[in-house]
Amino acid sequence: MMRRVCIVTGTRAEWGLLSPIAHRLKLHSDVELQIVATNMHLMECYGMTVNEIEADGFIVNHRVPINTGLATSSDVAYATGQCLSGMAQAFKQLCPDMVVILGDRTEMLAVASAALIMRIPIVHLHGGEESQGAIDNSIRHAITKMASLHLTATEPYRQRVIQMGENPDNVINTGAMGVYNCIHEPVMSREELQKQLGIEISDRSLLVTYHPATLDTAPATTRFQALLQAIDSTEHGSVIFTYPNNDASGREIIDLISRYVATHAENTTAVPSLGKHRYLSALHYVGAVVGNSSSGIIEVPSMHVPTVDIGIRQQGRIASDSVIHCGDSAHEIANAIAFALSPQGKELAKNAENPYGSPDTLEKCVKAITETSIDSLTTKIFHSL
């Protein structure tokens, strides 16, 4: 019997993780693949990355646009309501048998809410994790309680989802798709990547991605200015900035990036979205990844590149020895960058193991999505330990 599987995606990073699953499901004889794009995929200022999904050979069955001017938390709350309404319309039209979502963002809370109310089973990737510096943490756990099939990135995260009352039979430790991508994605040559980005890239270059930590008491701009001061005070190669997600204050960080790049044009560049191919290729050539993105903790260690993880946003995540945690001050960040680029930092990353790795992540994910009985997912009972 044909199974209608709907993948919903809202950001370029998330789609990079879900796209191998989508490719495999597209080839599956018993699956009708559906894709719904929302949020940043539909925004020109973030690269209109829905076009990348279609260029990759997929049909986007439904688009759910939301408010683009997310300057405050109330703007984000309003956009979340918009997304919930749009998702209800999409699901009514597509009638999926299950919905596949990843992570912890506000639009995914809207997706899960619509699916739950409409009694569509939810498959959730990356549950059980902790990122204590952002509202994403509570959203992730809320989605866990709405979802019926859980594909976690480590065994401790699997145990945490079970601790939350989920049926152990429907909680599967698959490993992280980001690590799978690191291993299997073709690599651009340094010359080709430099040509596309318009900048030289060396083993002392920095790849910087910084998002607002939505539970931080200090303004995101204050935190980001400290990062820029740290970059100015350390010896390094070129700097590649990618844009933050469209959380509250994200636009303010983009403005700071634009002004910084304009005054440091000789050795910096800013890219709204590198995309999976360029991002993973860049990891082969840069000296360190700097910021507070989950990618720095989950994916980058597999490339044996040091990560400088700044502030509270990712606190609580299991991390490799190659992840250098530091505070928010310019002095602390500068010291962490200097260590990451030092021989000791590089040696640490070279020998570090990634706790998120698994040799058969993609196969486990696809098997769970295609073979788990729909009937077993429609009624949830709290599993007491």
Protein backbone atom coordinates (compact mmCIF):
# COMPACT_ATOMS: atom_id res chain seq x y z
CA MET A 1 0.00 0.00 0.00
CA MET A 2 1.31 3.42 -0.98
CA ARG A 3 2.44 5.54 1.98
CA ARG A 4 2.19 9.33 1.67
CA VAL A 5 5.18 10.80 3.51
CA CYS A 6 5.29 14.59 3.88
CA ILE A 7 8.61 16.25 4.71
CA VAL A 8 8.26 19.81 6.01
CA THR A 9 11.28 22.11 5.96
CA GLY A 10 11.82 25.73 6.95
CA THR A 11 15.57 26.42 6.75
CA ARG A 12 18.51 25.69 4.47
CA ALA A 13 20.43 23.87 7.22
CA GLU A 14 17.48 21.64 8.05
CA TRP A 15 16.90 20.74 4.40
CA GLY A 16 20.57 19.81 4.09
CA LEU A 17 19.97 17.18 6.76
CA LEU A 18 16.66 15.96 5.37
CA SER A 19 17.53 15.90 1.67
CA PRO A 20 19.32 12.49 1.65
CA ILE A 21 16.23 10.99 3.28
CA ALA A 22 14.05 12.71 0.67
CA HIS A 23 16.21 11.34 -2.16
CA ARG A 24 15.95 7.81 -0.81
CA LEU A 25 12.18 8.04 -0.22
CA LYS A 26 11.71 9.40 -3.74
CA LEU A 27 13.12 6.14 -5.08
CA HIS A 28 11.01 3.97 -2.78
CA SER A 29 8.29 2.14 -4.73
CA ASP A 30 5.79 2.20 -1.86
CA VAL A 31 6.19 5.90 -0.97
CA GLU A 32 4.53 9.00 -2.35
CA LEU A 33 6.89 11.77 -1.28
CA GLN A 34 5.44 15.20 -0.49
CA ILE A 35 7.44 18.33 0.39
CA VAL A 36 6.17 21.46 2.09
CA ALA A 37 8.46 24.51 2.27
CA THR A 38 8.00 27.39 4.68
CA ASN A 39 9.77 30.19 6.56
CA MET A 40 13.32 31.03 5.38
CA HIS A 41 13.03 28.93 2.22
CA LEU A 42 10.55 31.49 0.88
CA MET A 43 12.49 34.67 1.79
CA GLU A 44 14.63 36.53 -0.76
CA CYS A 45 16.92 37.93 1.96
CA TYR A 46 17.91 34.39 2.94
CA GLY A 47 18.53 33.23 -0.61
CA MET A 48 15.05 31.96 -1.58
CA THR A 49 16.34 28.45 -0.96
CA VAL A 50 13.11 26.78 -2.06
CA ASN A 51 14.70 27.10 -5.50
CA GLU A 52 17.55 24.86 -4.33
CA ILE A 53 15.05 22.17 -3.33
CA GLU A 54 13.49 22.26 -6.79
CA ALA A 55 16.89 22.44 -8.51
CA ASP A 56 17.73 19.23 -6.66
CA GLY A 57 14.95 17.48 -8.58
CA PHE A 58 12.09 17.67 -6.08
CA ILE A 59 8.55 18.94 -6.44
CA VAL A 60 7.54 21.34 -3.68
CA ASN A 61 3.90 20.39 -3.22
CA HIS A 62 2.94 23.31 -1.02
CA ARG A 63 4.46 26.61 0.14
CA VAL A 64 3.52 28.19 3.45
CA PRO A 65 4.83 31.78 3.61
CA ILE A 66 5.01 33.58 6.93
CA ASN A 67 5.77 37.10 8.11
CA THR A 68 9.30 38.13 7.11
CA GLY A 69 9.89 40.99 9.55
CA LEU A 70 10.75 39.02 12.68
CA ALA A 71 12.32 41.77 14.79
CA THR A 72 10.76 40.88 18.15
CA SER A 73 9.50 37.84 20.03
CA SER A 74 5.91 38.96 19.43
CA ASP A 75 6.63 38.98 15.68
CA VAL A 76 7.87 35.39 15.96
CA ALA A 77 4.75 34.37 17.91
CA TYR A 78 2.52 35.93 15.25
CA ALA A 79 4.45 34.21 12.45
CA THR A 80 4.10 30.89 14.28
CA GLY A 81 0.33 31.33 14.21
CA GLN A 82 0.50 32.10 10.50
CA CYS A 83 2.51 28.94 9.95
CA LEU A 84 0.04 26.78 11.88
CA SER A 85 -2.84 28.07 9.76
CA GLY A 86 -0.92 27.53 6.53
CA MET A 87 0.13 24.03 7.53
CA ALA A 88 -3.46 23.07 8.26
CA GLN A 89 -4.36 24.09 4.70
CA ALA A 90 -1.38 22.18 3.28
CA PHE A 91 -2.19 18.99 5.19
CA LYS A 92 -5.87 19.23 4.25
CA GLN A 93 -4.86 19.33 0.58
CA LEU A 94 -2.10 16.68 0.70
CA CYS A 95 -3.66 14.19 3.18
CA PRO A 96 -0.30 12.71 4.28
CA ASP A 97 -0.07 9.45 6.21
CA MET A 98 2.83 10.85 8.25
CA VAL A 99 4.76 14.09 8.61
CA VAL A 100 8.56 14.15 8.95
CA ILE A 101 10.13 17.11 10.77
CA LEU A 102 13.50 17.88 12.30
CA GLY A 103 14.53 19.88 15.29
CA ASP A 104 13.22 22.62 17.43
CA ARG A 105 12.30 25.84 15.69
CA THR A 106 9.07 27.79 16.08
CA GLU A 107 7.77 26.86 12.63
CA MET A 108 8.25 23.18 13.49
CA LEU A 109 6.14 23.71 16.62
CA ALA A 110 3.42 25.03 14.30
CA VAL A 111 3.84 22.07 11.94
CA ALA A 112 3.62 19.58 14.81
CA SER A 113 0.59 21.34 16.29
CA ALA A 114 -1.31 21.22 13.01
CA ALA A 115 -0.41 17.56 12.43
CA LEU A 116 -1.36 16.56 15.97
CA ILE A 117 -4.75 18.26 15.79
CA MET A 118 -5.40 16.68 12.40
CA ARG A 119 -4.33 13.25 13.73
CA ILE A 120 -1.38 12.83 11.37
CA PRO A 121 1.49 10.84 12.95
CA ILE A 122 4.70 12.82 13.36
CA VAL A 123 8.21 11.48 12.77
CA HIS A 124 10.68 13.66 14.69
CA LEU A 125 14.46 13.81 14.19
CA HIS A 126 16.87 15.10 16.87
CA GLY A 127 14.63 14.77 19.90
CA GLY A 128 16.01 14.37 23.40
CA GLU A 129 18.74 16.98 22.96
CA GLU A 130 19.48 19.98 25.16
CA SER A 131 20.27 23.54 24.05
CA GLN A 132 19.65 25.43 27.23
CA GLY A 133 20.28 28.94 25.92
CA ALA A 134 17.31 29.10 23.56
CA ILE A 135 13.55 28.65 23.59
CA ASP A 136 14.26 25.91 21.04
CA ASN A 137 14.99 23.63 23.99
CA SER A 138 11.39 23.70 25.24
CA ILE A 139 10.03 23.54 21.70
CA ARG A 140 12.08 20.41 20.98
CA HIS A 141 10.72 18.64 24.07
CA ALA A 142 7.17 19.77 23.25
CA ILE A 143 7.46 18.28 19.76
CA THR A 144 8.71 15.03 21.32
CA LYS A 145 5.43 14.74 23.22
CA MET A 146 3.45 15.41 20.04
CA ALA A 147 5.45 13.00 17.87
CA SER A 148 4.97 9.22 17.66
CA LEU A 149 8.19 8.05 15.97
CA HIS A 150 11.52 9.40 17.22
CA LEU A 151 14.86 9.21 15.37
CA THR A 152 17.50 10.35 17.85
CA ALA A 153 21.14 11.23 17.22
CA THR A 154 22.77 9.42 20.18
CA GLU A 155 21.83 6.68 22.64
CA PRO A 156 21.70 9.08 25.64
CA TYR A 157 19.20 11.18 23.69
CA ARG A 158 17.17 8.05 22.96
CA GLN A 159 17.07 7.25 26.66
CA ARG A 160 15.95 10.81 27.44
CA VAL A 161 13.03 10.54 25.00
CA ILE A 162 12.01 7.26 26.64
CA GLN A 163 12.32 8.98 30.02
CA MET A 164 9.73 11.48 28.72
CA GLY A 165 7.22 8.64 28.43
CA GLU A 166 7.68 7.58 24.81
CA ASN A 167 7.30 3.97 23.66
CA PRO A 168 10.84 2.48 23.43
CA ASP A 169 9.82 0.51 20.31
CA ASN A 170 9.26 3.82 18.52
CA VAL A 171 12.46 5.54 19.70
CA ILE A 172 15.42 4.66 17.45
CA ASN A 173 19.01 5.82 17.78
CA THR A 174 19.93 6.50 14.14
CA GLY A 175 22.92 8.79 14.59
CA ALA A 176 22.90 12.26 13.03
CA MET A 177 22.22 12.87 9.34
CA GLY A 178 24.72 15.73 9.45
CA VAL A 179 27.52 13.25 10.12
CA TYR A 180 26.26 11.06 7.27
CA ASN A 181 26.46 14.12 4.99
CA CYS A 182 30.03 14.87 6.08
CA ILE A 183 31.10 11.42 5.01
CA HIS A 184 29.13 11.14 1.75
CA GLU A 185 28.90 14.66 0.28
CA PRO A 186 31.20 15.27 -2.73
CA VAL A 187 33.84 17.91 -2.03
CA MET A 188 34.44 21.00 -4.14
CA SER A 189 38.06 21.86 -4.85
CA ARG A 190 39.53 24.74 -2.88
CA GLU A 191 39.94 26.71 -6.11
CA GLU A 192 36.31 26.26 -7.14
CA LEU A 193 35.04 27.23 -3.69
CA GLN A 194 37.30 30.29 -3.57
CA LYS A 195 36.05 31.36 -6.98
CA GLN A 196 32.40 31.09 -5.92
CA LEU A 197 32.94 32.94 -2.64
CA GLY A 198 35.41 35.49 -4.03
CA ILE A 199 37.91 34.99 -1.21
CA GLU A 200 41.01 32.95 -0.43
CA ILE A 201 40.55 30.10 2.04
CA SER A 202 43.39 28.68 4.13
CA ASP A 203 43.86 26.49 7.19
CA ARG A 204 43.68 29.68 9.26
CA SER A 205 40.35 30.86 7.82
CA LEU A 206 37.29 31.13 10.06
CA LEU A 207 33.76 30.02 9.17
CA VAL A 208 31.41 32.04 11.40
CA THR A 209 27.73 31.37 12.09
CA TYR A 210 26.11 33.09 15.06
CA HIS A 211 22.43 32.96 16.00
CA PRO A 212 20.60 34.93 18.69
CA ALA A 213 20.51 32.98 21.96
CA THR A 214 16.84 33.57 22.64
CA LEU A 215 17.06 33.01 26.41
CA ASP A 216 20.08 35.30 26.86
CA THR A 217 19.60 38.33 29.09
CA ALA A 218 21.94 40.49 26.99
CA PRO A 219 21.03 41.83 23.52
CA ALA A 220 22.13 39.62 20.63
CA THR A 221 23.89 42.61 19.07
CA THR A 222 26.02 43.08 22.18
CA ARG A 223 27.08 39.46 22.05
CA PHE A 224 27.85 39.61 18.34
CA GLN A 225 29.87 42.82 18.65
CA ALA A 226 32.05 41.02 21.20
CA LEU A 227 32.61 38.28 18.61
CA LEU A 228 33.65 40.87 16.01
CA GLN A 229 36.05 42.45 18.52
CA ALA A 230 37.55 39.02 19.17
CA ILE A 231 38.03 38.43 15.44
CA ASP A 232 39.79 41.80 15.16
CA SER A 233 42.15 40.96 18.03
CA THR A 234 43.31 37.54 16.81
CA GLU A 235 45.63 36.43 14.02
CA HIS A 236 43.73 34.42 11.43
CA GLY A 237 43.11 34.09 7.73
CA SER A 238 39.98 35.06 5.84
CA VAL A 239 36.56 35.08 7.50
CA ILE A 240 33.40 33.61 5.95
CA PHE A 241 30.16 34.75 7.61
CA THR A 242 26.87 32.95 7.04
CA TYR A 243 23.60 34.57 8.06
CA PRO A 244 21.79 33.67 11.27
CA ASN A 245 18.34 32.12 11.33
CA ASN A 246 15.41 34.51 11.35
CA ASP A 247 14.93 34.48 15.10
CA ALA A 248 14.15 37.74 16.87
CA SER A 249 17.17 40.08 16.45
CA GLY A 250 18.51 38.03 13.55
CA ARG A 251 18.16 40.97 11.16
CA GLU A 252 20.22 43.14 13.53
CA ILE A 253 23.05 40.62 13.39
CA ILE A 254 22.85 40.60 9.59
CA ASP A 255 23.21 44.40 9.62
CA LEU A 256 26.33 44.10 11.79
CA ILE A 257 27.77 41.47 9.44
CA SER A 258 27.15 43.68 6.41
CA ARG A 259 28.83 46.69 7.99
CA TYR A 260 31.81 44.62 9.13
CA VAL A 261 32.33 43.02 5.74
CA ALA A 262 32.09 46.44 4.05
CA THR A 263 35.01 47.69 6.14
CA HIS A 264 37.05 44.48 5.88
CA ALA A 265 36.42 43.67 2.24
CA GLU A 266 39.96 42.42 1.61
CA ASN A 267 39.59 39.27 3.72
CA THR A 268 35.91 38.75 4.63
CA THR A 269 32.73 37.73 2.87
CA ALA A 270 29.12 37.16 3.88
CA VAL A 271 26.83 34.54 2.37
CA PRO A 272 23.12 34.25 3.25
CA SER A 273 23.25 30.49 2.64
CA LEU A 274 26.25 28.36 1.69
CA GLY A 275 24.00 25.35 1.15
CA LYS A 276 24.99 21.84 2.11
CA HIS A 277 27.54 21.31 -0.69
CA ARG A 278 29.55 24.50 -0.19
CA TYR A 279 29.28 24.38 3.60
CA LEU A 280 30.61 20.85 3.92
CA SER A 281 33.28 21.57 1.31
CA ALA A 282 34.41 24.62 3.27
CA LEU A 283 34.94 22.42 6.33
CA HIS A 284 37.72 20.64 4.46
CA TYR A 285 39.73 23.86 4.12
CA VAL A 286 39.02 26.30 6.98
CA GLY A 287 40.97 26.40 10.22
CA ALA A 288 38.05 26.65 12.63
CA VAL A 289 34.29 27.05 12.88
CA VAL A 290 33.20 29.85 15.20
CA GLY A 291 29.77 30.76 16.62
CA ASN A 292 26.92 28.99 18.36
CA SER A 293 25.33 26.79 15.71
CA SER A 294 24.43 23.17 16.46
CA SER A 295 26.37 22.22 13.34
CA GLY A 296 29.60 23.12 15.10
CA ILE A 297 28.86 20.47 17.70
CA ILE A 298 27.10 17.77 15.67
CA GLU A 299 28.78 17.82 12.25
CA VAL A 300 32.08 19.70 12.34
CA PRO A 301 33.94 17.23 14.63
CA SER A 302 33.64 14.60 11.88
CA MET A 303 35.75 16.86 9.66
CA HIS A 304 38.43 17.09 12.39
CA VAL A 305 38.13 20.87 12.51
CA PRO A 306 38.05 22.74 15.85
CA THR A 307 34.79 24.41 16.86
CA VAL A 308 34.64 27.52 19.03
CA ASP A 309 31.22 27.32 20.71
CA ILE A 310 30.27 30.68 22.19
CA GLY A 311 27.95 31.36 25.10
CA ILE A 312 24.85 29.58 26.37
CA ARG A 313 22.92 28.70 23.22
CA GLN A 314 24.20 25.11 22.91
CA GLN A 315 24.74 24.37 26.60
CA GLY A 316 23.68 20.83 27.46
CA ARG A 317 24.54 19.15 24.16
CA ILE A 318 26.87 16.17 24.13
CA ALA A 319 30.07 17.42 22.50
CA SER A 320 33.31 16.06 21.08
CA ASP A 321 36.69 17.02 22.56
CA SER A 322 37.24 19.20 19.47
CA VAL A 323 34.51 21.61 20.64
CA ILE A 324 36.02 24.51 22.59
CA HIS A 325 33.37 26.10 24.81
CA CYS A 326 33.88 29.71 25.82
CA GLY A 327 32.05 32.65 27.37
CA ASP A 328 30.58 35.66 25.56
CA SER A 329 33.28 38.27 26.21
CA ALA A 330 35.64 39.38 23.46
CA HIS A 331 38.60 38.24 25.57
CA GLU A 332 37.22 34.71 26.09
CA ILE A 333 36.28 34.33 22.42
CA ALA A 334 39.69 35.57 21.25
CA ASN A 335 41.48 33.09 23.51
CA ALA A 336 39.31 30.25 22.21
CA ILE A 337 39.96 31.20 18.57
CA ALA A 338 43.69 31.41 19.22
CA PHE A 339 43.67 27.94 20.77
CA ALA A 340 41.57 26.51 17.93
CA LEU A 341 44.12 27.73 15.37
CA SER A 342 47.11 26.61 17.43
CA PRO A 343 48.96 23.32 16.81
CA GLN A 344 47.45 21.98 20.04
CA GLY A 345 43.91 22.84 18.95
CA LYS A 346 44.39 21.28 15.54
CA GLU A 347 45.89 18.12 17.06
CA LEU A 348 42.93 17.84 19.44
CA ALA A 349 40.48 18.06 16.53
CA LYS A 350 42.51 15.60 14.47
CA ASN A 351 42.16 12.88 17.10
CA ALA A 352 38.67 13.64 18.41
CA GLU A 353 35.78 11.21 17.98
CA ASN A 354 32.27 12.37 17.10
CA PRO A 355 29.58 10.97 19.43
CA TYR A 356 26.92 11.62 16.78
CA GLY A 357 28.33 9.23 14.18
CA SER A 358 26.76 5.97 13.00
CA PRO A 359 27.68 3.98 9.87
CA ASP A 360 24.09 3.35 8.77
CA THR A 361 22.19 6.50 9.71
CA LEU A 362 20.38 6.95 6.42
CA GLU A 363 19.31 3.31 6.22
CA LYS A 364 17.95 3.40 9.77
CA CYS A 365 15.96 6.59 9.11
CA VAL A 366 14.43 5.35 5.86
CA LYS A 367 13.62 1.93 7.30
CA ALA A 368 11.82 3.52 10.27
CA ILE A 369 9.82 5.88 8.05
CA THR A 370 8.81 3.27 5.49
CA GLU A 371 8.32 0.17 7.63
CA THR A 372 6.89 1.32 10.96
CA SER A 373 3.19 0.49 11.11
CA ILE A 374 1.01 3.60 10.80
CA ASP A 375 -1.51 1.98 13.14
CA SER A 376 1.16 1.72 15.86
CA LEU A 377 1.66 5.48 15.70
CA THR A 378 -1.92 6.70 15.84
CA THR A 379 -2.52 6.11 19.56
CA LYS A 380 0.05 7.16 22.16
CA ILE A 381 0.18 5.79 25.69
CA PHE A 382 2.57 7.17 28.29
CA HIS A 383 5.31 4.62 28.87
CA SER A 384 6.17 4.53 32.57
CA LEU A 385 9.68 3.52 33.54
